[in-house]
Amino acid sequence: MVSVGSMIILLISATSLGFNPFGTLIDSTNVDISTEKYQEDTGVKVTDRNFNINDYKGWVDRQKRKNGTYKRNIDLARIFRNYEASNNKLETNINYLGIIAFSNIFVCLTGYLLFKSKK
């Protein structure tokens, strides 16, 4: 009962602010993203003048999404940080209230163990 309040605050701050420990990642280790495959798919050679590196990067991203394996994972650090994409930049949101509540759990437990009355 010592740190129940801090645990509740941690859960409330994580869920209400949109911090979710569950995520999806794409395993693209077996996806062929070579330039030879790009030339075969698009007909544009890498050595041509009309080759655009941004088109190639977009093609690589689409190949990874299309042929990659989607996996779900749990990362408890996502309770404290969240990445948001806006204007082609990744912005980090940090759950400061959750960090304070998490550290308060250990402070309360330490204080309880140190100062509890011995009978």
Foldseek 3Di string as FASTA:
>chain_A
DQLPVLVVQLVCLLVVVPQDQKDKDWAQPPFDLDQVVVCVVPVDHPPDPPDDVVVSVVVVVVSSVVVTDMDMDGDVCSSAWDWDDDPNDTDIDGSPSNVVSVVVSVVRVVVCVVDPDDD
